[in-house]
Amino acid sequence: ARSARDSVRDRLRAWKVPGDTCCDAVLLVSELTTNAILHTDSG
């Protein structure tokens, strides 16, 4: 989840996505990644 947050933040900053949108996207990715890891048997 941390790696996902860092990757998304770095990419969106490179794309010059506005700060509020970037912060929301990082939080969304964190939540979605955590849910997938905790609630599925995914590798």
ModelCIF file with pLDDT and N, C-alpha, C, O atoms, coordinates in Angstrom:
data_MODEL
#
_entry.id   MODEL 
#
_entity.id                         1 
_entity.type                       polymer 
_entity.pdbx_number_of_molecules   1 
#
_entity_poly.entity_id                      1 
_entity_poly.type                           'polypeptide(L)' 
_entity_poly.nstd_linkage                   no 
_entity_poly.nstd_monomer                   no 
_entity_poly.pdbx_seq_one_letter_code       ARSARDSVRDRLRAWKVPGDTCCDAVLLVSELTTNAILHTDSG 
_entity_poly.pdbx_seq_one_letter_code_can   ARSARDSVRDRLRAWKVPGDTCCDAVLLVSELTTNAILHTDSG 
_entity_poly.pdbx_strand_id                 A 
#
loop_
_entity_poly_seq.entity_id 
_entity_poly_seq.num 
_entity_poly_seq.mon_id 
_entity_poly_seq.hetero 
1 1  ALA n 
1 2  ARG n 
1 3  SER n 
1 4  ALA n 
1 5  ARG n 
1 6  ASP n 
1 7  SER n 
1 8  VAL n 
1 9  ARG n 
1 10 ASP n 
1 11 ARG n 
1 12 LEU n 
1 13 ARG n 
1 14 ALA n 
1 15 TRP n 
1 16 LYS n 
1 17 VAL n 
1 18 PRO n 
1 19 GLY n 
1 20 ASP n 
1 21 THR n 
1 22 CYS n 
1 23 CYS n 
1 24 ASP n 
1 25 ALA n 
1 26 VAL n 
1 27 LEU n 
1 28 LEU n 
1 29 VAL n 
1 30 SER n 
1 31 GLU n 
1 32 LEU n 
1 33 THR n 
1 34 THR n 
1 35 ASN n 
1 36 ALA n 
1 37 ILE n 
1 38 LEU n 
1 39 HIS n 
1 40 THR n 
1 41 ASP n 
1 42 SER n 
1 43 GLY n 
#
_struct_asym.id          A 
_struct_asym.entity_id   1 
#
loop_
_ma_qa_metric.id 
_ma_qa_metric.mode 
_ma_qa_metric.name 
_ma_qa_metric.software_group_id 
_ma_qa_metric.type 
1 global pLDDT . pLDDT 
2 local  pLDDT . pLDDT 
#
_ma_qa_metric_global.metric_id      1 
_ma_qa_metric_global.metric_value   93.88 
_ma_qa_metric_global.model_id       1 
_ma_qa_metric_global.ordinal_id     1 
#
loop_
_ma_qa_metric_local.label_asym_id 
_ma_qa_metric_local.label_comp_id 
_ma_qa_metric_local.label_seq_id 
_ma_qa_metric_local.metric_id 
_ma_qa_metric_local.metric_value 
_ma_qa_metric_local.model_id 
_ma_qa_metric_local.ordinal_id 
A ALA 1  2 95.00 1 1  
A ARG 2  2 97.00 1 2  
A SER 3  2 97.00 1 3  
A ALA 4  2 97.00 1 4  
A ARG 5  2 97.00 1 5  
A ASP 6  2 98.00 1 6  
A SER 7  2 98.00 1 7  
A VAL 8  2 98.00 1 8  
A ARG 9  2 98.00 1 9  
A ASP 10 2 98.00 1 10 
A ARG 11 2 97.00 1 11 
A LEU 12 2 96.00 1 12 
A ARG 13 2 96.00 1 13 
A ALA 14 2 95.00 1 14 
A TRP 15 2 94.00 1 15 
A LYS 16 2 92.00 1 16 
A VAL 17 2 93.00 1 17 
A PRO 18 2 93.00 1 18 
A GLY 19 2 92.00 1 19 
A ASP 20 2 94.00 1 20 
A THR 21 2 95.00 1 21 
A CYS 22 2 96.00 1 22 
A CYS 23 2 96.00 1 23 
A ASP 24 2 96.00 1 24 
A ALA 25 2 97.00 1 25 
A VAL 26 2 97.00 1 26 
A LEU 27 2 95.00 1 27 
A LEU 28 2 96.00 1 28 
A VAL 29 2 96.00 1 29 
A SER 30 2 95.00 1 30 
A GLU 31 2 91.00 1 31 
A LEU 32 2 93.00 1 32 
A THR 33 2 94.00 1 33 
A THR 34 2 91.00 1 34 
A ASN 35 2 87.00 1 35 
A ALA 36 2 89.00 1 36 
A ILE 37 2 90.00 1 37 
A LEU 38 2 87.00 1 38 
A HIS 39 2 84.00 1 39 
A THR 40 2 87.00 1 40 
A ASP 41 2 86.00 1 41 
A SER 42 2 91.00 1 42 
A GLY 43 2 93.00 1 43 
#
loop_
_atom_site.group_PDB 
_atom_site.id 
_atom_site.type_symbol 
_atom_site.label_atom_id 
_atom_site.label_alt_id 
_atom_site.label_comp_id 
_atom_site.label_asym_id 
_atom_site.label_entity_id 
_atom_site.label_seq_id 
_atom_site.pdbx_PDB_ins_code 
_atom_site.Cartn_x 
_atom_site.Cartn_y 
_atom_site.Cartn_z 
_atom_site.occupancy 
_atom_site.B_iso_or_equiv 
_atom_site.pdbx_formal_charge 
_atom_site.auth_seq_id 
_atom_site.auth_comp_id 
_atom_site.auth_asym_id 
_atom_site.auth_atom_id 
_atom_site.pdbx_PDB_model_num 
ATOM 1   N N  . ALA A 1 1  ? 0.842   -1.203  0.000   1.00 95.00 ? 1  ALA A N  1 
ATOM 2   C CA . ALA A 1 1  ? 0.000   0.000   0.000   1.00 95.00 ? 1  ALA A CA 1 
ATOM 3   C C  . ALA A 1 1  ? 0.879   1.256   0.000   1.00 95.00 ? 1  ALA A C  1 
ATOM 4   O O  . ALA A 1 1  ? 0.581   2.231   -0.690  1.00 95.00 ? 1  ALA A O  1 
ATOM 5   N N  . ARG A 1 2  ? 1.949   1.220   0.770   1.00 97.00 ? 2  ARG A N  1 
ATOM 6   C CA . ARG A 1 2  ? 2.862   2.374   0.785   1.00 97.00 ? 2  ARG A CA 1 
ATOM 7   C C  . ARG A 1 2  ? 3.536   2.547   -0.567  1.00 97.00 ? 2  ARG A C  1 
ATOM 8   O O  . ARG A 1 2  ? 3.650   3.666   -1.067  1.00 97.00 ? 2  ARG A O  1 
ATOM 9   N N  . SER A 1 3  ? 3.978   1.455   -1.157  1.00 97.00 ? 3  SER A N  1 
ATOM 10  C CA . SER A 1 3  ? 4.607   1.523   -2.484  1.00 97.00 ? 3  SER A CA 1 
ATOM 11  C C  . SER A 1 3  ? 3.629   2.077   -3.516  1.00 97.00 ? 3  SER A C  1 
ATOM 12  O O  . SER A 1 3  ? 4.009   2.864   -4.383  1.00 97.00 ? 3  SER A O  1 
ATOM 13  N N  . ALA A 1 4  ? 2.373   1.662   -3.415  1.00 97.00 ? 4  ALA A N  1 
ATOM 14  C CA . ALA A 1 4  ? 1.348   2.165   -4.340  1.00 97.00 ? 4  ALA A CA 1 
ATOM 15  C C  . ALA A 1 4  ? 1.162   3.671   -4.161  1.00 97.00 ? 4  ALA A C  1 
ATOM 16  O O  . ALA A 1 4  ? 1.104   4.411   -5.143  1.00 97.00 ? 4  ALA A O  1 
ATOM 17  N N  . ARG A 1 5  ? 1.068   4.121   -2.919  1.00 97.00 ? 5  ARG A N  1 
ATOM 18  C CA . ARG A 1 5  ? 0.930   5.565   -2.662  1.00 97.00 ? 5  ARG A CA 1 
ATOM 19  C C  . ARG A 1 5  ? 2.097   6.340   -3.246  1.00 97.00 ? 5  ARG A C  1 
ATOM 20  O O  . ARG A 1 5  ? 1.903   7.363   -3.904  1.00 97.00 ? 5  ARG A O  1 
ATOM 21  N N  . ASP A 1 6  ? 3.317   5.853   -3.004  1.00 98.00 ? 6  ASP A N  1 
ATOM 22  C CA . ASP A 1 6  ? 4.512   6.546   -3.491  1.00 98.00 ? 6  ASP A CA 1 
ATOM 23  C C  . ASP A 1 6  ? 4.549   6.586   -5.019  1.00 98.00 ? 6  ASP A C  1 
ATOM 24  O O  . ASP A 1 6  ? 4.881   7.618   -5.603  1.00 98.00 ? 6  ASP A O  1 
ATOM 25  N N  . SER A 1 7  ? 4.212   5.471   -5.666  1.00 98.00 ? 7  SER A N  1 
ATOM 26  C CA . SER A 1 7  ? 4.215   5.421   -7.137  1.00 98.00 ? 7  SER A CA 1 
ATOM 27  C C  . SER A 1 7  ? 3.198   6.383   -7.734  1.00 98.00 ? 7  SER A C  1 
ATOM 28  O O  . SER A 1 7  ? 3.492   7.089   -8.699  1.00 98.00 ? 7  SER A O  1 
ATOM 29  N N  . VAL A 1 8  ? 2.005   6.407   -7.158  1.00 98.00 ? 8  VAL A N  1 
ATOM 30  C CA . VAL A 1 8  ? 0.953   7.293   -7.664  1.00 98.00 ? 8  VAL A CA 1 
ATOM 31  C C  . VAL A 1 8  ? 1.333   8.756   -7.435  1.00 98.00 ? 8  VAL A C  1 
ATOM 32  O O  . VAL A 1 8  ? 1.183   9.584   -8.334  1.00 98.00 ? 8  VAL A O  1 
ATOM 33  N N  . ARG A 1 9  ? 1.814   9.068   -6.260  1.00 98.00 ? 9  ARG A N  1 
ATOM 34  C CA . ARG A 1 9  ? 2.204   10.456  -5.963  1.00 98.00 ? 9  ARG A CA 1 
ATOM 35  C C  . ARG A 1 9  ? 3.292   10.925  -6.933  1.00 98.00 ? 9  ARG A C  1 
ATOM 36  O O  . ARG A 1 9  ? 3.207   12.028  -7.472  1.00 98.00 ? 9  ARG A O  1 
ATOM 37  N N  . ASP A 1 10 ? 4.300   10.101  -7.153  1.00 98.00 ? 10 ASP A N  1 
ATOM 38  C CA . ASP A 1 10 ? 5.392   10.478  -8.056  1.00 98.00 ? 10 ASP A CA 1 
ATOM 39  C C  . ASP A 1 10 ? 4.896   10.684  -9.486  1.00 98.00 ? 10 ASP A C  1 
ATOM 40  O O  . ASP A 1 10 ? 5.281   11.648  -10.148 1.00 98.00 ? 10 ASP A O  1 
ATOM 41  N N  . ARG A 1 11 ? 4.040   9.775   -9.962  1.00 97.00 ? 11 ARG A N  1 
ATOM 42  C CA . ARG A 1 11 ? 3.540   9.881   -11.342 1.00 97.00 ? 11 ARG A CA 1 
ATOM 43  C C  . ARG A 1 11 ? 2.663   11.118  -11.505 1.00 97.00 ? 11 ARG A C  1 
ATOM 44  O O  . ARG A 1 11 ? 2.806   11.853  -12.482 1.00 97.00 ? 11 ARG A O  1 
ATOM 45  N N  . LEU A 1 12 ? 1.760   11.354  -10.563 1.00 96.00 ? 12 LEU A N  1 
ATOM 46  C CA . LEU A 1 12 ? 0.856   12.497  -10.697 1.00 96.00 ? 12 LEU A CA 1 
ATOM 47  C C  . LEU A 1 12 ? 1.593   13.819  -10.572 1.00 96.00 ? 12 LEU A C  1 
ATOM 48  O O  . LEU A 1 12 ? 1.217   14.800  -11.213 1.00 96.00 ? 12 LEU A O  1 
ATOM 49  N N  . ARG A 1 13 ? 2.626   13.857  -9.762  1.00 96.00 ? 13 ARG A N  1 
ATOM 50  C CA . ARG A 1 13 ? 3.454   15.073  -9.698  1.00 96.00 ? 13 ARG A CA 1 
ATOM 51  C C  . ARG A 1 13 ? 4.162   15.303  -11.026 1.00 96.00 ? 13 ARG A C  1 
ATOM 52  O O  . ARG A 1 13 ? 4.254   16.437  -11.496 1.00 96.00 ? 13 ARG A O  1 
ATOM 53  N N  . ALA A 1 14 ? 4.668   14.219  -11.637 1.00 95.00 ? 14 ALA A N  1 
ATOM 54  C CA . ALA A 1 14 ? 5.329   14.343  -12.942 1.00 95.00 ? 14 ALA A CA 1 
ATOM 55  C C  . ALA A 1 14 ? 4.348   14.841  -14.001 1.00 95.00 ? 14 ALA A C  1 
ATOM 56  O O  . ALA A 1 14 ? 4.728   15.585  -14.905 1.00 95.00 ? 14 ALA A O  1 
ATOM 57  N N  . TRP A 1 15 ? 3.077   14.427  -13.885 1.00 94.00 ? 15 TRP A N  1 
ATOM 58  C CA . TRP A 1 15 ? 2.046   14.878  -14.817 1.00 94.00 ? 15 TRP A CA 1 
ATOM 59  C C  . TRP A 1 15 ? 1.501   16.258  -14.449 1.00 94.00 ? 15 TRP A C  1 
ATOM 60  O O  . TRP A 1 15 ? 0.669   16.808  -15.171 1.00 94.00 ? 15 TRP A O  1 
ATOM 61  N N  . LYS A 1 16 ? 1.965   16.821  -13.331 1.00 92.00 ? 16 LYS A N  1 
ATOM 62  C CA . LYS A 1 16 ? 1.534   18.135  -12.847 1.00 92.00 ? 16 LYS A CA 1 
ATOM 63  C C  . LYS A 1 16 ? 0.030   18.180  -12.540 1.00 92.00 ? 16 LYS A C  1 
ATOM 64  O O  . LYS A 1 16 ? -0.647  19.169  -12.818 1.00 92.00 ? 16 LYS A O  1 
ATOM 65  N N  . VAL A 1 17 ? -0.467  17.091  -11.964 1.00 93.00 ? 17 VAL A N  1 
ATOM 66  C CA . VAL A 1 17 ? -1.862  17.043  -11.516 1.00 93.00 ? 17 VAL A CA 1 
ATOM 67  C C  . VAL A 1 17 ? -1.973  17.929  -10.279 1.00 93.00 ? 17 VAL A C  1 
ATOM 68  O O  . VAL A 1 17 ? -1.108  17.865  -9.406  1.00 93.00 ? 17 VAL A O  1 
ATOM 69  N N  . PRO A 1 18 ? -3.025  18.761  -10.181 1.00 93.00 ? 18 PRO A N  1 
ATOM 70  C CA . PRO A 1 18 ? -3.179  19.659  -9.033  1.00 93.00 ? 18 PRO A CA 1 
ATOM 71  C C  . PRO A 1 18 ? -3.119  18.916  -7.696  1.00 93.00 ? 18 PRO A C  1 
ATOM 72  O O  . PRO A 1 18 ? -3.511  17.754  -7.590  1.00 93.00 ? 18 PRO A O  1 
ATOM 73  N N  . GLY A 1 19 ? -2.616  19.625  -6.678  1.00 92.00 ? 19 GLY A N  1 
ATOM 74  C CA . GLY A 1 19 ? -2.369  19.045  -5.367  1.00 92.00 ? 19 GLY A CA 1 
ATOM 75  C C  . GLY A 1 19 ? -3.546  18.339  -4.727  1.00 92.00 ? 19 GLY A C  1 
ATOM 76  O O  . GLY A 1 19 ? -3.398  17.227  -4.221  1.00 92.00 ? 19 GLY A O  1 
ATOM 77  N N  . ASP A 1 20 ? -4.728  18.973  -4.741  1.00 94.00 ? 20 ASP A N  1 
ATOM 78  C CA . ASP A 1 20 ? -5.903  18.351  -4.116  1.00 94.00 ? 20 ASP A CA 1 
ATOM 79  C C  . ASP A 1 20 ? -6.269  17.047  -4.802  1.00 94.00 ? 20 ASP A C  1 
ATOM 80  O O  . ASP A 1 20 ? -6.572  16.056  -4.137  1.00 94.00 ? 20 ASP A O  1 
ATOM 81  N N  . THR A 1 21 ? -6.242  17.041  -6.113  1.00 95.00 ? 21 THR A N  1 
ATOM 82  C CA . THR A 1 21 ? -6.564  15.832  -6.875  1.00 95.00 ? 21 THR A CA 1 
ATOM 83  C C  . THR A 1 21 ? -5.516  14.764  -6.609  1.00 95.00 ? 21 THR A C  1 
ATOM 84  O O  . THR A 1 21 ? -5.854  13.591  -6.450  1.00 95.00 ? 21 THR A O  1 
ATOM 85  N N  . CYS A 1 22 ? -4.268  15.152  -6.559  1.00 96.00 ? 22 CYS A N  1 
ATOM 86  C CA . CYS A 1 22 ? -3.178  14.214  -6.283  1.00 96.00 ? 22 CYS A CA 1 
ATOM 87  C C  . CYS A 1 22 ? -3.369  13.580  -4.899  1.00 96.00 ? 22 CYS A C  1 
ATOM 88  O O  . CYS A 1 22 ? -3.253  12.363  -4.761  1.00 96.00 ? 22 CYS A O  1 
ATOM 89  N N  . CYS A 1 23 ? -3.654  14.377  -3.893  1.00 96.00 ? 23 CYS A N  1 
ATOM 90  C CA . CYS A 1 23 ? -3.854  13.852  -2.538  1.00 96.00 ? 23 CYS A CA 1 
ATOM 91  C C  . CYS A 1 23 ? -5.030  12.887  -2.484  1.00 96.00 ? 23 CYS A C  1 
ATOM 92  O O  . CYS A 1 23 ? -4.942  11.830  -1.860  1.00 96.00 ? 23 CYS A O  1 
ATOM 93  N N  . ASP A 1 24 ? -6.134  13.249  -3.138  1.00 96.00 ? 24 ASP A N  1 
ATOM 94  C CA . ASP A 1 24 ? -7.299  12.364  -3.162  1.00 96.00 ? 24 ASP A CA 1 
ATOM 95  C C  . ASP A 1 24 ? -6.981  11.056  -3.875  1.00 96.00 ? 24 ASP A C  1 
ATOM 96  O O  . ASP A 1 24 ? -7.401  9.986   -3.434  1.00 96.00 ? 24 ASP A O  1 
ATOM 97  N N  . ALA A 1 25 ? -6.245  11.141  -4.969  1.00 97.00 ? 25 ALA A N  1 
ATOM 98  C CA . ALA A 1 25 ? -5.890  9.938   -5.731  1.00 97.00 ? 25 ALA A CA 1 
ATOM 99  C C  . ALA A 1 25 ? -4.989  9.019   -4.905  1.00 97.00 ? 25 ALA A C  1 
ATOM 100 O O  . ALA A 1 25 ? -5.163  7.800   -4.929  1.00 97.00 ? 25 ALA A O  1 
ATOM 101 N N  . VAL A 1 26 ? -4.052  9.579   -4.194  1.00 97.00 ? 26 VAL A N  1 
ATOM 102 C CA . VAL A 1 26 ? -3.152  8.788   -3.351  1.00 97.00 ? 26 VAL A CA 1 
ATOM 103 C C  . VAL A 1 26 ? -3.952  8.060   -2.276  1.00 97.00 ? 26 VAL A C  1 
ATOM 104 O O  . VAL A 1 26 ? -3.714  6.880   -2.018  1.00 97.00 ? 26 VAL A O  1 
ATOM 105 N N  . LEU A 1 27 ? -4.896  8.755   -1.650  1.00 95.00 ? 27 LEU A N  1 
ATOM 106 C CA . LEU A 1 27 ? -5.733  8.119   -0.631  1.00 95.00 ? 27 LEU A CA 1 
ATOM 107 C C  . LEU A 1 27 ? -6.606  7.024   -1.237  1.00 95.00 ? 27 LEU A C  1 
ATOM 108 O O  . LEU A 1 27 ? -6.748  5.951   -0.651  1.00 95.00 ? 27 LEU A O  1 
ATOM 109 N N  . LEU A 1 28 ? -7.193  7.285   -2.405  1.00 96.00 ? 28 LEU A N  1 
ATOM 110 C CA . LEU A 1 28 ? -8.009  6.270   -3.070  1.00 96.00 ? 28 LEU A CA 1 
ATOM 111 C C  . LEU A 1 28 ? -7.198  5.021   -3.393  1.00 96.00 ? 28 LEU A C  1 
ATOM 112 O O  . LEU A 1 28 ? -7.650  3.907   -3.128  1.00 96.00 ? 28 LEU A O  1 
ATOM 113 N N  . VAL A 1 29 ? -6.023  5.190   -3.952  1.00 96.00 ? 29 VAL A N  1 
ATOM 114 C CA . VAL A 1 29 ? -5.178  4.045   -4.288  1.00 96.00 ? 29 VAL A CA 1 
ATOM 115 C C  . VAL A 1 29 ? -4.797  3.280   -3.027  1.00 96.00 ? 29 VAL A C  1 
ATOM 116 O O  . VAL A 1 29 ? -4.776  2.049   -3.033  1.00 96.00 ? 29 VAL A O  1 
ATOM 117 N N  . SER A 1 30 ? -4.501  3.983   -1.964  1.00 95.00 ? 30 SER A N  1 
ATOM 118 C CA . SER A 1 30 ? -4.152  3.334   -0.715  1.00 95.00 ? 30 SER A CA 1 
ATOM 119 C C  . SER A 1 30 ? -5.303  2.466   -0.212  1.00 95.00 ? 30 SER A C  1 
ATOM 120 O O  . SER A 1 30 ? -5.094  1.317   0.179   1.00 95.00 ? 30 SER A O  1 
ATOM 121 N N  . GLU A 1 31 ? -6.507  3.012   -0.222  1.00 91.00 ? 31 GLU A N  1 
ATOM 122 C CA . GLU A 1 31 ? -7.682  2.265   0.257   1.00 91.00 ? 31 GLU A CA 1 
ATOM 123 C C  . GLU A 1 31 ? -7.988  1.071   -0.646  1.00 91.00 ? 31 GLU A C  1 
ATOM 124 O O  . GLU A 1 31 ? -8.260  -0.026  -0.158  1.00 91.00 ? 31 GLU A O  1 
ATOM 125 N N  . LEU A 1 32 ? -7.944  1.282   -1.946  1.00 93.00 ? 32 LEU A N  1 
ATOM 126 C CA . LEU A 1 32 ? -8.254  0.185   -2.878  1.00 93.00 ? 32 LEU A CA 1 
ATOM 127 C C  . LEU A 1 32 ? -7.208  -0.920  -2.802  1.00 93.00 ? 32 LEU A C  1 
ATOM 128 O O  . LEU A 1 32 ? -7.545  -2.103  -2.855  1.00 93.00 ? 32 LEU A O  1 
ATOM 129 N N  . THR A 1 33 ? -5.946  -0.539  -2.680  1.00 94.00 ? 33 THR A N  1 
ATOM 130 C CA . THR A 1 33 ? -4.883  -1.536  -2.560  1.00 94.00 ? 33 THR A CA 1 
ATOM 131 C C  . THR A 1 33 ? -5.031  -2.324  -1.264  1.00 94.00 ? 33 THR A C  1 
ATOM 132 O O  . THR A 1 33 ? -4.937  -3.551  -1.265  1.00 94.00 ? 33 THR A O  1 
ATOM 133 N N  . THR A 1 34 ? -5.260  -1.629  -0.178  1.00 91.00 ? 34 THR A N  1 
ATOM 134 C CA . THR A 1 34 ? -5.434  -2.298  1.114   1.00 91.00 ? 34 THR A CA 1 
ATOM 135 C C  . THR A 1 34 ? -6.609  -3.256  1.086   1.00 91.00 ? 34 THR A C  1 
ATOM 136 O O  . THR A 1 34 ? -6.504  -4.379  1.578   1.00 91.00 ? 34 THR A O  1 
ATOM 137 N N  . ASN A 1 35 ? -7.735  -2.827  0.513   1.00 87.00 ? 35 ASN A N  1 
ATOM 138 C CA . ASN A 1 35 ? -8.908  -3.710  0.421   1.00 87.00 ? 35 ASN A CA 1 
ATOM 139 C C  . ASN A 1 35 ? -8.593  -4.962  -0.384  1.00 87.00 ? 35 ASN A C  1 
ATOM 140 O O  . ASN A 1 35 ? -8.961  -6.066  0.017   1.00 87.00 ? 35 ASN A O  1 
ATOM 141 N N  . ALA A 1 36 ? -7.921  -4.801  -1.511  1.00 89.00 ? 36 ALA A N  1 
ATOM 142 C CA . ALA A 1 36 ? -7.594  -5.958  -2.348  1.00 89.00 ? 36 ALA A CA 1 
ATOM 143 C C  . ALA A 1 36 ? -6.679  -6.929  -1.609  1.00 89.00 ? 36 ALA A C  1 
ATOM 144 O O  . ALA A 1 36 ? -6.846  -8.145  -1.706  1.00 89.00 ? 36 ALA A O  1 
ATOM 145 N N  . ILE A 1 37 ? -5.721  -6.391  -0.878  1.00 90.00 ? 37 ILE A N  1 
ATOM 146 C CA . ILE A 1 37 ? -4.768  -7.238  -0.163  1.00 90.00 ? 37 ILE A CA 1 
ATOM 147 C C  . ILE A 1 37 ? -5.435  -7.961  1.006   1.00 90.00 ? 37 ILE A C  1 
ATOM 148 O O  . ILE A 1 37 ? -5.177  -9.142  1.235   1.00 90.00 ? 37 ILE A O  1 
ATOM 149 N N  . LEU A 1 38 ? -6.285  -7.260  1.739   1.00 87.00 ? 38 LEU A N  1 
ATOM 150 C CA . LEU A 1 38 ? -6.905  -7.853  2.924   1.00 87.00 ? 38 LEU A CA 1 
ATOM 151 C C  . LEU A 1 38 ? -8.087  -8.765  2.616   1.00 87.00 ? 38 LEU A C  1 
ATOM 152 O O  . LEU A 1 38 ? -8.342  -9.712  3.360   1.00 87.00 ? 38 LEU A O  1 
ATOM 153 N N  . HIS A 1 39 ? -8.808  -8.497  1.535   1.00 84.00 ? 39 HIS A N  1 
ATOM 154 C CA . HIS A 1 39 ? -10.075 -9.190  1.309   1.00 84.00 ? 39 HIS A CA 1 
ATOM 155 C C  . HIS A 1 39 ? -10.095 -10.129 0.106   1.00 84.00 ? 39 HIS A C  1 
ATOM 156 O O  . HIS A 1 39 ? -11.158 -10.627 -0.266  1.00 84.00 ? 39 HIS A O  1 
ATOM 157 N N  . THR A 1 40 ? -8.945  -10.375 -0.502  1.00 87.00 ? 40 THR A N  1 
ATOM 158 C CA . THR A 1 40 ? -8.873  -11.360 -1.588  1.00 87.00 ? 40 THR A CA 1 
ATOM 159 C C  . THR A 1 40 ? -7.670  -12.258 -1.334  1.00 87.00 ? 40 THR A C  1 
ATOM 160 O O  . THR A 1 40 ? -6.821  -11.952 -0.497  1.00 87.00 ? 40 THR A O  1 
ATOM 161 N N  . ASP A 1 41 ? -7.606  -13.347 -2.049  1.00 86.00 ? 41 ASP A N  1 
ATOM 162 C CA . ASP A 1 41 ? -6.456  -14.237 -1.958  1.00 86.00 ? 41 ASP A CA 1 
ATOM 163 C C  . ASP A 1 41 ? -5.465  -13.957 -3.085  1.00 86.00 ? 41 ASP A C  1 
ATOM 164 O O  . ASP A 1 41 ? -4.789  -14.868 -3.562  1.00 86.00 ? 41 ASP A O  1 
ATOM 165 N N  . SER A 1 42 ? -5.384  -12.720 -3.500  1.00 91.00 ? 42 SER A N  1 
ATOM 166 C CA . SER A 1 42 ? -4.514  -12.341 -4.608  1.00 91.00 ? 42 SER A CA 1 
ATOM 167 C C  . SER A 1 42 ? -3.049  -12.493 -4.248  1.00 91.00 ? 42 SER A C  1 
ATOM 168 O O  . SER A 1 42 ? -2.647  -12.269 -3.106  1.00 91.00 ? 42 SER A O  1 
ATOM 169 N N  . GLY A 1 43 ? -2.258  -12.876 -5.238  1.00 93.00 ? 43 GLY A N  1 
ATOM 170 C CA . GLY A 1 43 ? -0.814  -12.904 -5.080  1.00 93.00 ? 43 GLY A CA 1 
ATOM 171 C C  . GLY A 1 43 ? -0.185  -11.592 -5.500  1.00 93.00 ? 43 GLY A C  1 
ATOM 172 O O  . GLY A 1 43 ? 1.035   -11.442 -5.431  1.00 93.00 ? 43 GLY A O  1 
#
